[in-house]
Amino acid sequence: EALIVLNNSLKYTQEENLNIILKLNTAKIKIEQNE
């Protein structure tokens, strides 16, 4: 559910640092899921 929310937000977030924070959080979840 967290990944869905982050990925949807990544589609429209233009501000670079917010975009990076979304990507970092997505990557953390992927590591947690062993992906």
PDB file of all heavy atoms in Angstrom:
ATOM      1  N   GLU A   1       0.836  -1.200   0.000  1.00  0.00           N
ATOM      2  CA  GLU A   1       0.000   0.000   0.000  1.00  0.00           C
ATOM      3  C   GLU A   1       0.875   1.257   0.000  1.00  0.00           C
ATOM      4  O   GLU A   1       0.590   2.227  -0.702  1.00  0.00           O
ATOM      5  CB  GLU A   1      -0.937   0.019   1.214  1.00  0.00           C
ATOM      6  CG  GLU A   1      -2.088  -0.968   1.138  1.00  0.00           C
ATOM      7  CD  GLU A   1      -1.736  -2.348   1.695  1.00  0.00           C
ATOM      8  OE1 GLU A   1      -0.535  -2.680   1.785  1.00  0.00           O
ATOM      9  OE2 GLU A   1      -2.663  -3.099   2.011  1.00  0.00           O
ATOM     10  N   ALA A   2       1.956   1.222   0.778  1.00  0.00           N
ATOM     11  CA  ALA A   2       2.879   2.366   0.812  1.00  0.00           C
ATOM     12  C   ALA A   2       3.498   2.597  -0.558  1.00  0.00           C
ATOM     13  O   ALA A   2       3.607   3.742  -1.015  1.00  0.00           O
ATOM     14  CB  ALA A   2       3.970   2.123   1.857  1.00  0.00           C
ATOM     15  N   LEU A   3       3.883   1.519  -1.235  1.00  0.00           N
ATOM     16  CA  LEU A   3       4.474   1.631  -2.577  1.00  0.00           C
ATOM     17  C   LEU A   3       3.498   2.244  -3.571  1.00  0.00           C
ATOM     18  O   LEU A   3       3.885   3.081  -4.388  1.00  0.00           O
ATOM     19  CB  LEU A   3       4.905   0.255  -3.090  1.00  0.00           C
ATOM     20  CG  LEU A   3       6.311  -0.199  -2.743  1.00  0.00           C
ATOM     21  CD1 LEU A   3       6.557  -1.605  -3.256  1.00  0.00           C
ATOM     22  CD2 LEU A   3       7.357   0.754  -3.282  1.00  0.00           C
ATOM     23  N   ILE A   4       2.256   1.832  -3.501  1.00  0.00           N
ATOM     24  CA  ILE A   4       1.235   2.375  -4.417  1.00  0.00           C
ATOM     25  C   ILE A   4       1.113   3.885  -4.238  1.00  0.00           C
ATOM     26  O   ILE A   4       1.115   4.642  -5.207  1.00  0.00           O
ATOM     27  CB  ILE A   4      -0.127   1.672  -4.204  1.00  0.00           C
ATOM     28  CG1 ILE A   4      -0.047   0.218  -4.694  1.00  0.00           C
ATOM     29  CG2 ILE A   4      -1.254   2.420  -4.921  1.00  0.00           C
ATOM     30  CD1 ILE A   4      -1.207  -0.665  -4.266  1.00  0.00           C
ATOM     31  N   VAL A   5       1.038   4.317  -2.980  1.00  0.00           N
ATOM     32  CA  VAL A   5       0.900   5.751  -2.686  1.00  0.00           C
ATOM     33  C   VAL A   5       2.119   6.516  -3.203  1.00  0.00           C
ATOM     34  O   VAL A   5       1.987   7.560  -3.852  1.00  0.00           O
ATOM     35  CB  VAL A   5       0.719   5.972  -1.167  1.00  0.00           C
ATOM     36  CG1 VAL A   5       0.805   7.440  -0.805  1.00  0.00           C
ATOM     37  CG2 VAL A   5      -0.608   5.403  -0.696  1.00  0.00           C
ATOM     38  N   LEU A   6       3.318   5.994  -2.936  1.00  0.00           N
ATOM     39  CA  LEU A   6       4.549   6.681  -3.359  1.00  0.00           C
ATOM     40  C   LEU A   6       4.670   6.724  -4.882  1.00  0.00           C
ATOM     41  O   LEU A   6       5.011   7.758  -5.455  1.00  0.00           O
ATOM     42  CB  LEU A   6       5.775   5.982  -2.762  1.00  0.00           C
ATOM     43  CG  LEU A   6       5.923   6.078  -1.239  1.00  0.00           C
ATOM     44  CD1 LEU A   6       7.046   5.165  -0.752  1.00  0.00           C
ATOM     45  CD2 LEU A   6       6.173   7.505  -0.795  1.00  0.00           C
ATOM     46  N   ASN A   7       4.390   5.607  -5.538  1.00  0.00           N
ATOM     47  CA  ASN A   7       4.500   5.562  -7.005  1.00  0.00           C
ATOM     48  C   ASN A   7       3.499   6.483  -7.685  1.00  0.00           C
ATOM     49  O   ASN A   7       3.825   7.120  -8.686  1.00  0.00           O
ATOM     50  CB  ASN A   7       4.337   4.122  -7.516  1.00  0.00           C
ATOM     51  CG  ASN A   7       5.579   3.292  -7.249  1.00  0.00           C
ATOM     52  OD1 ASN A   7       6.694   3.795  -7.275  1.00  0.00           O
ATOM     53  ND2 ASN A   7       5.392   2.016  -6.978  1.00  0.00           N
ATOM     54  N   ASN A   8       2.283   6.569  -7.146  1.00  0.00           N
ATOM     55  CA  ASN A   8       1.294   7.492  -7.712  1.00  0.00           C
ATOM     56  C   ASN A   8       1.751   8.939  -7.564  1.00  0.00           C
ATOM     57  O   ASN A   8       1.592   9.744  -8.471  1.00  0.00           O
ATOM     58  CB  ASN A   8      -0.079   7.293  -7.057  1.00  0.00           C
ATOM     59  CG  ASN A   8      -0.755   6.031  -7.549  1.00  0.00           C
ATOM     60  OD1 ASN A   8      -0.456   5.525  -8.621  1.00  0.00           O
ATOM     61  ND2 ASN A   8      -1.664   5.510  -6.745  1.00  0.00           N
ATOM     62  N   SER A   9       2.329   9.254  -6.424  1.00  0.00           N
ATOM     63  CA  SER A   9       2.801  10.611  -6.182  1.00  0.00           C
ATOM     64  C   SER A   9       4.003  10.944  -7.068  1.00  0.00           C
ATOM     65  O   SER A   9       4.161  12.084  -7.507  1.00  0.00           O
ATOM     66  CB  SER A   9       3.160  10.774  -4.702  1.00  0.00           C
ATOM     67  OG  SER A   9       3.359  12.114  -4.399  1.00  0.00           O
ATOM     68  N   LEU A  10       4.830   9.963  -7.361  1.00  0.00           N
ATOM     69  CA  LEU A  10       6.003  10.175  -8.223  1.00  0.00           C
ATOM     70  C   LEU A  10       5.605  10.609  -9.634  1.00  0.00           C
ATOM     71  O   LEU A  10       6.369  11.293 -10.309  1.00  0.00           O
ATOM     72  CB  LEU A  10       6.832   8.892  -8.322  1.00  0.00           C
ATOM     73  CG  LEU A  10       7.965   8.753  -7.320  1.00  0.00           C
ATOM     74  CD1 LEU A  10       8.530   7.342  -7.328  1.00  0.00           C
ATOM     75  CD2 LEU A  10       9.053   9.774  -7.588  1.00  0.00           C
ATOM     76  N   LYS A  11       4.408  10.222 -10.066  1.00  0.00           N
ATOM     77  CA  LYS A  11       3.969  10.538 -11.435  1.00  0.00           C
ATOM     78  C   LYS A  11       3.811  12.036 -11.664  1.00  0.00           C
ATOM     79  O   LYS A  11       3.934  12.504 -12.789  1.00  0.00           O
ATOM     80  CB  LYS A  11       2.647   9.832 -11.739  1.00  0.00           C
ATOM     81  CG  LYS A  11       2.770   8.322 -11.835  1.00  0.00           C
ATOM     82  CD  LYS A  11       1.409   7.673 -12.009  1.00  0.00           C
ATOM     83  CE  LYS A  11       1.505   6.156 -11.887  1.00  0.00           C
ATOM     84  NZ  LYS A  11       0.171   5.542 -11.854  1.00  0.00           N
ATOM     85  N   TYR A  12       3.515  12.801 -10.604  1.00  0.00           N
ATOM     86  CA  TYR A  12       3.247  14.223 -10.810  1.00  0.00           C
ATOM     87  C   TYR A  12       4.159  15.164 -10.019  1.00  0.00           C
ATOM     88  O   TYR A  12       4.151  16.365 -10.248  1.00  0.00           O
ATOM     89  CB  TYR A  12       1.788  14.556 -10.484  1.00  0.00           C
ATOM     90  CG  TYR A  12       1.416  14.362  -9.038  1.00  0.00           C
ATOM     91  CD1 TYR A  12       1.705  15.339  -8.092  1.00  0.00           C
ATOM     92  CD2 TYR A  12       0.767  13.211  -8.609  1.00  0.00           C
ATOM     93  CE1 TYR A  12       1.376  15.167  -6.766  1.00  0.00           C
ATOM     94  CE2 TYR A  12       0.434  13.028  -7.277  1.00  0.00           C
ATOM     95  CZ  TYR A  12       0.740  14.012  -6.375  1.00  0.00           C
ATOM     96  OH  TYR A  12       0.419  13.830  -5.062  1.00  0.00           O
ATOM     97  N   THR A  13       4.940  14.654  -9.101  1.00  0.00           N
ATOM     98  CA  THR A  13       5.766  15.531  -8.270  1.00  0.00           C
ATOM     99  C   THR A  13       6.906  16.106  -9.089  1.00  0.00           C
ATOM    100  O   THR A  13       7.762  15.377  -9.577  1.00  0.00           O
ATOM    101  CB  THR A  13       6.304  14.770  -7.038  1.00  0.00           C
ATOM    102  OG1 THR A  13       5.195  14.285  -6.289  1.00  0.00           O
ATOM    103  CG2 THR A  13       7.158  15.679  -6.169  1.00  0.00           C
ATOM    104  N   GLN A  14       6.913  17.425  -9.238  1.00  0.00           N
ATOM    105  CA  GLN A  14       7.912  18.108 -10.059  1.00  0.00           C
ATOM    106  C   GLN A  14       9.116  18.588  -9.242  1.00  0.00           C
ATOM    107  O   GLN A  14      10.227  18.624  -9.754  1.00  0.00           O
ATOM    108  CB  GLN A  14       7.282  19.330 -10.752  1.00  0.00           C
ATOM    109  CG  GLN A  14       6.125  18.976 -11.666  1.00  0.00           C
ATOM    110  CD  GLN A  14       6.570  18.166 -12.864  1.00  0.00           C
ATOM    111  OE1 GLN A  14       7.572  18.477 -13.485  1.00  0.00           O
ATOM    112  NE2 GLN A  14       5.840  17.115 -13.181  1.00  0.00           N
ATOM    113  N   GLU A  15       8.885  18.961  -8.000  1.00  0.00           N
ATOM    114  CA  GLU A  15       9.962  19.511  -7.187  1.00  0.00           C
ATOM    115  C   GLU A  15      11.013  18.427  -6.953  1.00  0.00           C
ATOM    116  O   GLU A  15      10.719  17.341  -6.465  1.00  0.00           O
ATOM    117  CB  GLU A  15       9.403  20.020  -5.859  1.00  0.00           C
ATOM    118  CG  GLU A  15      10.253  21.074  -5.180  1.00  0.00           C
ATOM    119  CD  GLU A  15      11.478  20.514  -4.483  1.00  0.00           C
ATOM    120  OE1 GLU A  15      11.373  19.461  -3.842  1.00  0.00           O
ATOM    121  OE2 GLU A  15      12.543  21.124  -4.603  1.00  0.00           O
ATOM    122  N   GLU A  16      12.262  18.730  -7.316  1.00  0.00           N
ATOM    123  CA  GLU A  16      13.325  17.718  -7.363  1.00  0.00           C
ATOM    124  C   GLU A  16      13.563  17.028  -6.023  1.00  0.00           C
ATOM    125  O   GLU A  16      13.628  15.798  -5.953  1.00  0.00           O
ATOM    126  CB  GLU A  16      14.631  18.356  -7.851  1.00  0.00           C
ATOM    127  CG  GLU A  16      15.747  17.343  -8.001  1.00  0.00           C
ATOM    128  CD  GLU A  16      17.076  17.960  -8.398  1.00  0.00           C
ATOM    129  OE1 GLU A  16      17.231  19.193  -8.284  1.00  0.00           O
ATOM    130  OE2 GLU A  16      17.960  17.199  -8.807  1.00  0.00           O
ATOM    131  N   ASN A  17      13.688  17.794  -4.953  1.00  0.00           N
ATOM    132  CA  ASN A  17      13.992  17.175  -3.658  1.00  0.00           C
ATOM    133  C   ASN A  17      12.844  16.314  -3.142  1.00  0.00           C
ATOM    134  O   ASN A  17      13.085  15.249  -2.570  1.00  0.00           O
ATOM    135  CB  ASN A  17      14.392  18.242  -2.633  1.00  0.00           C
ATOM    136  CG  ASN A  17      15.759  18.815  -2.939  1.00  0.00           C
ATOM    137  OD1 ASN A  17      16.703  18.078  -3.203  1.00  0.00           O
ATOM    138  ND2 ASN A  17      15.871  20.125  -2.934  1.00  0.00           N
ATOM    139  N   LEU A  18      11.613  16.748  -3.355  1.00  0.00           N
ATOM    140  CA  LEU A  18      10.467  15.907  -2.972  1.00  0.00           C
ATOM    141  C   LEU A  18      10.442  14.629  -3.806  1.00  0.00           C
ATOM    142  O   LEU A  18      10.166  13.544  -3.294  1.00  0.00           O
ATOM    143  CB  LEU A  18       9.152  16.673  -3.141  1.00  0.00           C
ATOM    144  CG  LEU A  18       8.811  17.685  -2.066  1.00  0.00           C
ATOM    145  CD1 LEU A  18       7.533  18.430  -2.426  1.00  0.00           C
ATOM    146  CD2 LEU A  18       8.670  17.034  -0.709  1.00  0.00           C
ATOM    147  N   ASN A  19      10.757  14.754  -5.089  1.00  0.00           N
ATOM    148  CA  ASN A  19      10.818  13.603  -5.981  1.00  0.00           C
ATOM    149  C   ASN A  19      11.870  12.612  -5.491  1.00  0.00           C
ATOM    150  O   ASN A  19      11.636  11.401  -5.466  1.00  0.00           O
ATOM    151  CB  ASN A  19      11.138  14.080  -7.406  1.00  0.00           C
ATOM    152  CG  ASN A  19      10.925  13.019  -8.430  1.00  0.00           C
ATOM    153  OD1 ASN A  19      11.733  12.106  -8.548  1.00  0.00           O
ATOM    154  ND2 ASN A  19       9.847  13.126  -9.184  1.00  0.00           N
ATOM    155  N   ILE A  20      13.025  13.133  -5.064  1.00  0.00           N
ATOM    156  CA  ILE A  20      14.102  12.280  -4.550  1.00  0.00           C
ATOM    157  C   ILE A  20      13.671  11.580  -3.266  1.00  0.00           C
ATOM    158  O   ILE A  20      13.920  10.386  -3.084  1.00  0.00           O
ATOM    159  CB  ILE A  20      15.393  13.105  -4.342  1.00  0.00           C
ATOM    160  CG1 ILE A  20      15.973  13.501  -5.702  1.00  0.00           C
ATOM    161  CG2 ILE A  20      16.419  12.328  -3.526  1.00  0.00           C
ATOM    162  CD1 ILE A  20      17.086  14.530  -5.645  1.00  0.00           C
ATOM    163  N   ILE A  21      13.005  12.315  -2.380  1.00  0.00           N
ATOM    164  CA  ILE A  21      12.535  11.707  -1.126  1.00  0.00           C
ATOM    165  C   ILE A  21      11.555  10.574  -1.419  1.00  0.00           C
ATOM    166  O   ILE A  21      11.609   9.509  -0.791  1.00  0.00           O
ATOM    167  CB  ILE A  21      11.911  12.770  -0.195  1.00  0.00           C
ATOM    168  CG1 ILE A  21      13.009  13.727   0.297  1.00  0.00           C
ATOM    169  CG2 ILE A  21      11.195  12.127   0.989  1.00  0.00           C
ATOM    170  CD1 ILE A  21      12.498  14.976   0.976  1.00  0.00           C
ATOM    171  N   LEU A  22      10.660  10.781  -2.392  1.00  0.00           N
ATOM    172  CA  LEU A  22       9.731   9.713  -2.786  1.00  0.00           C
ATOM    173  C   LEU A  22      10.505   8.490  -3.292  1.00  0.00           C
ATOM    174  O   LEU A  22      10.194   7.350  -2.935  1.00  0.00           O
ATOM    175  CB  LEU A  22       8.773  10.218  -3.871  1.00  0.00           C
ATOM    176  CG  LEU A  22       7.723  11.239  -3.436  1.00  0.00           C
ATOM    177  CD1 LEU A  22       7.080  11.895  -4.649  1.00  0.00           C
ATOM    178  CD2 LEU A  22       6.669  10.599  -2.554  1.00  0.00           C
ATOM    179  N   LYS A  23      11.523   8.724  -4.128  1.00  0.00           N
ATOM    180  CA  LYS A  23      12.322   7.618  -4.673  1.00  0.00           C
ATOM    181  C   LYS A  23      13.106   6.895  -3.572  1.00  0.00           C
ATOM    182  O   LYS A  23      13.194   5.666  -3.579  1.00  0.00           O
ATOM    183  CB  LYS A  23      13.272   8.125  -5.761  1.00  0.00           C
ATOM    184  CG  LYS A  23      12.571   8.455  -7.053  1.00  0.00           C
ATOM    185  CD  LYS A  23      13.542   8.926  -8.117  1.00  0.00           C
ATOM    186  CE  LYS A  23      12.796   9.209  -9.417  1.00  0.00           C
ATOM    187  NZ  LYS A  23      13.672   9.721 -10.465  1.00  0.00           N
ATOM    188  N   LEU A  24      13.673   7.654  -2.645  1.00  0.00           N
ATOM    189  CA  LEU A  24      14.421   7.029  -1.538  1.00  0.00           C
ATOM    190  C   LEU A  24      13.508   6.148  -0.689  1.00  0.00           C
ATOM    191  O   LEU A  24      13.886   5.038  -0.303  1.00  0.00           O
ATOM    192  CB  LEU A  24      15.087   8.103  -0.668  1.00  0.00           C
ATOM    193  CG  LEU A  24      16.261   8.852  -1.285  1.00  0.00           C
ATOM    194  CD1 LEU A  24      16.693  10.010  -0.388  1.00  0.00           C
ATOM    195  CD2 LEU A  24      17.437   7.930  -1.567  1.00  0.00           C
ATOM    196  N   ASN A  25      12.308   6.647  -0.413  1.00  0.00           N
ATOM    197  CA  ASN A  25      11.354   5.847   0.364  1.00  0.00           C
ATOM    198  C   ASN A  25      10.931   4.597  -0.397  1.00  0.00           C
ATOM    199  O   ASN A  25      10.770   3.520   0.191  1.00  0.00           O
ATOM    200  CB  ASN A  25      10.140   6.686   0.755  1.00  0.00           C
ATOM    201  CG  ASN A  25      10.447   7.598   1.925  1.00  0.00           C
ATOM    202  OD1 ASN A  25      10.953   7.169   2.945  1.00  0.00           O
ATOM    203  ND2 ASN A  25      10.171   8.868   1.776  1.00  0.00           N
ATOM    204  N   THR A  26      10.751   4.748  -1.711  1.00  0.00           N
ATOM    205  CA  THR A  26      10.409   3.590  -2.548  1.00  0.00           C
ATOM    206  C   THR A  26      11.534   2.566  -2.510  1.00  0.00           C
ATOM    207  O   THR A  26      11.290   1.358  -2.357  1.00  0.00           O
ATOM    208  CB  THR A  26      10.141   4.042  -4.003  1.00  0.00           C
ATOM    209  OG1 THR A  26       9.088   5.016  -3.997  1.00  0.00           O
ATOM    210  CG2 THR A  26       9.742   2.885  -4.885  1.00  0.00           C
ATOM    211  N   ALA A  27      12.778   3.037  -2.634  1.00  0.00           N
ATOM    212  CA  ALA A  27      13.934   2.131  -2.596  1.00  0.00           C
ATOM    213  C   ALA A  27      14.045   1.423  -1.242  1.00  0.00           C
ATOM    214  O   ALA A  27      14.347   0.224  -1.184  1.00  0.00           O
ATOM    215  CB  ALA A  27      15.214   2.900  -2.903  1.00  0.00           C
ATOM    216  N   LYS A  28      13.766   2.149  -0.153  1.00  0.00           N
ATOM    217  CA  LYS A  28      13.806   1.526   1.189  1.00  0.00           C
ATOM    218  C   LYS A  28      12.810   0.378   1.284  1.00  0.00           C
ATOM    219  O   LYS A  28      13.111  -0.684   1.835  1.00  0.00           O
ATOM    220  CB  LYS A  28      13.458   2.568   2.267  1.00  0.00           C
ATOM    221  CG  LYS A  28      14.597   3.425   2.706  1.00  0.00           C
ATOM    222  CD  LYS A  28      14.142   4.340   3.835  1.00  0.00           C
ATOM    223  CE  LYS A  28      15.111   5.479   4.042  1.00  0.00           C
ATOM    224  NZ  LYS A  28      14.640   6.477   4.993  1.00  0.00           N
ATOM    225  N   ILE A  29      11.622   0.610   0.739  1.00  0.00           N
ATOM    226  CA  ILE A  29      10.602  -0.446   0.772  1.00  0.00           C
ATOM    227  C   ILE A  29      11.058  -1.634  -0.071  1.00  0.00           C
ATOM    228  O   ILE A  29      10.901  -2.791   0.335  1.00  0.00           O
ATOM    229  CB  ILE A  29       9.236   0.086   0.290  1.00  0.00           C
ATOM    230  CG1 ILE A  29       8.701   1.118   1.286  1.00  0.00           C
ATOM    231  CG2 ILE A  29       8.235  -1.052   0.104  1.00  0.00           C
ATOM    232  CD1 ILE A  29       7.485   1.875   0.808  1.00  0.00           C
ATOM    233  N   LYS A  30      11.623  -1.363  -1.238  1.00  0.00           N
ATOM    234  CA  LYS A  30      12.109  -2.448  -2.106  1.00  0.00           C
ATOM    235  C   LYS A  30      13.188  -3.262  -1.391  1.00  0.00           C
ATOM    236  O   LYS A  30      13.206  -4.494  -1.485  1.00  0.00           O
ATOM    237  CB  LYS A  30      12.658  -1.892  -3.424  1.00  0.00           C
ATOM    238  CG  LYS A  30      11.604  -1.290  -4.328  1.00  0.00           C
ATOM    239  CD  LYS A  30      10.693  -2.355  -4.875  1.00  0.00           C
ATOM    240  CE  LYS A  30       9.672  -1.797  -5.835  1.00  0.00           C
ATOM    241  NZ  LYS A  30       8.743  -2.822  -6.308  1.00  0.00           N
ATOM    242  N   ILE A  31      14.072  -2.611  -0.652  1.00  0.00           N
ATOM    243  CA  ILE A  31      15.096  -3.328   0.120  1.00  0.00           C
ATOM    244  C   ILE A  31      14.423  -4.173   1.191  1.00  0.00           C
ATOM    245  O   ILE A  31      14.781  -5.335   1.393  1.00  0.00           O
ATOM    246  CB  ILE A  31      16.121  -2.342   0.737  1.00  0.00           C
ATOM    247  CG1 ILE A  31      16.980  -1.712  -0.374  1.00  0.00           C
ATOM    248  CG2 ILE A  31      17.005  -3.035   1.770  1.00  0.00           C
ATOM    249  CD1 ILE A  31      17.847  -0.545   0.074  1.00  0.00           C
ATOM    250  N   GLU A  32      13.428  -3.591   1.854  1.00  0.00           N
ATOM    251  CA  GLU A  32      12.684  -4.314   2.895  1.00  0.00           C
ATOM    252  C   GLU A  32      11.979  -5.545   2.315  1.00  0.00           C
ATOM    253  O   GLU A  32      11.874  -6.588   2.973  1.00  0.00           O
ATOM    254  CB  GLU A  32      11.672  -3.362   3.543  1.00  0.00           C
ATOM    255  CG  GLU A  32      11.026  -3.864   4.797  1.00  0.00           C
ATOM    256  CD  GLU A  32      11.972  -3.938   5.983  1.00  0.00           C
ATOM    257  OE1 GLU A  32      12.917  -3.134   6.065  1.00  0.00           O
ATOM    258  OE2 GLU A  32      11.752  -4.817   6.835  1.00  0.00           O
ATOM    259  N   GLN A  33      11.512  -5.440   1.080  1.00  0.00           N
ATOM    260  CA  GLN A  33      10.822  -6.551   0.422  1.00  0.00           C
ATOM    261  C   GLN A  33      11.798  -7.519  -0.262  1.00  0.00           C
ATOM    262  O   GLN A  33      11.380  -8.426  -0.947  1.00  0.00           O
ATOM    263  CB  GLN A  33       9.830  -6.014  -0.621  1.00  0.00           C
ATOM    264  CG  GLN A  33       8.662  -5.280  -0.027  1.00  0.00           C
ATOM    265  CD  GLN A  33       7.724  -4.734  -1.096  1.00  0.00           C
ATOM    266  OE1 GLN A  33       8.144  -4.290  -2.160  1.00  0.00           O
ATOM    267  NE2 GLN A  33       6.429  -4.755  -0.790  1.00  0.00           N
ATOM    268  N   ASN A  34      13.093  -7.271  -0.061  1.00  0.00           N
ATOM    269  CA  ASN A  34      14.146  -8.096  -0.648  1.00  0.00           C
ATOM    270  C   ASN A  34      14.161  -8.025  -2.178  1.00  0.00           C
ATOM    271  O   ASN A  34      14.562  -8.973  -2.844  1.00  0.00           O
ATOM    272  CB  ASN A  34      14.052  -9.551  -0.161  1.00  0.00           C
ATOM    273  CG  ASN A  34      15.421 -10.189  -0.096  1.00  0.00           C
ATOM    274  OD1 ASN A  34      16.432  -9.506   0.029  1.00  0.00           O
ATOM    275  ND2 ASN A  34      15.454 -11.495  -0.201  1.00  0.00           N
ATOM    276  N   GLU A  35      13.714  -6.892  -2.715  1.00  0.00           N
ATOM    277  CA  GLU A  35      13.787  -6.634  -4.157  1.00  0.00           C
ATOM    278  C   GLU A  35      14.947  -5.657  -4.383  1.00  0.00           C
ATOM    279  O   GLU A  35      14.774  -4.523  -4.799  1.00  0.00           O
ATOM    280  CB  GLU A  35      12.452  -6.071  -4.656  1.00  0.00           C
ATOM    281  CG  GLU A  35      11.315  -7.066  -4.523  1.00  0.00           C
ATOM    282  CD  GLU A  35       9.958  -6.487  -4.912  1.00  0.00           C
ATOM    283  OE1 GLU A  35       9.906  -5.375  -5.460  1.00  0.00           O
ATOM    284  OE2 GLU A  35       8.956  -7.165  -4.632  1.00  0.00           O
TER     285      GLU A  35
END
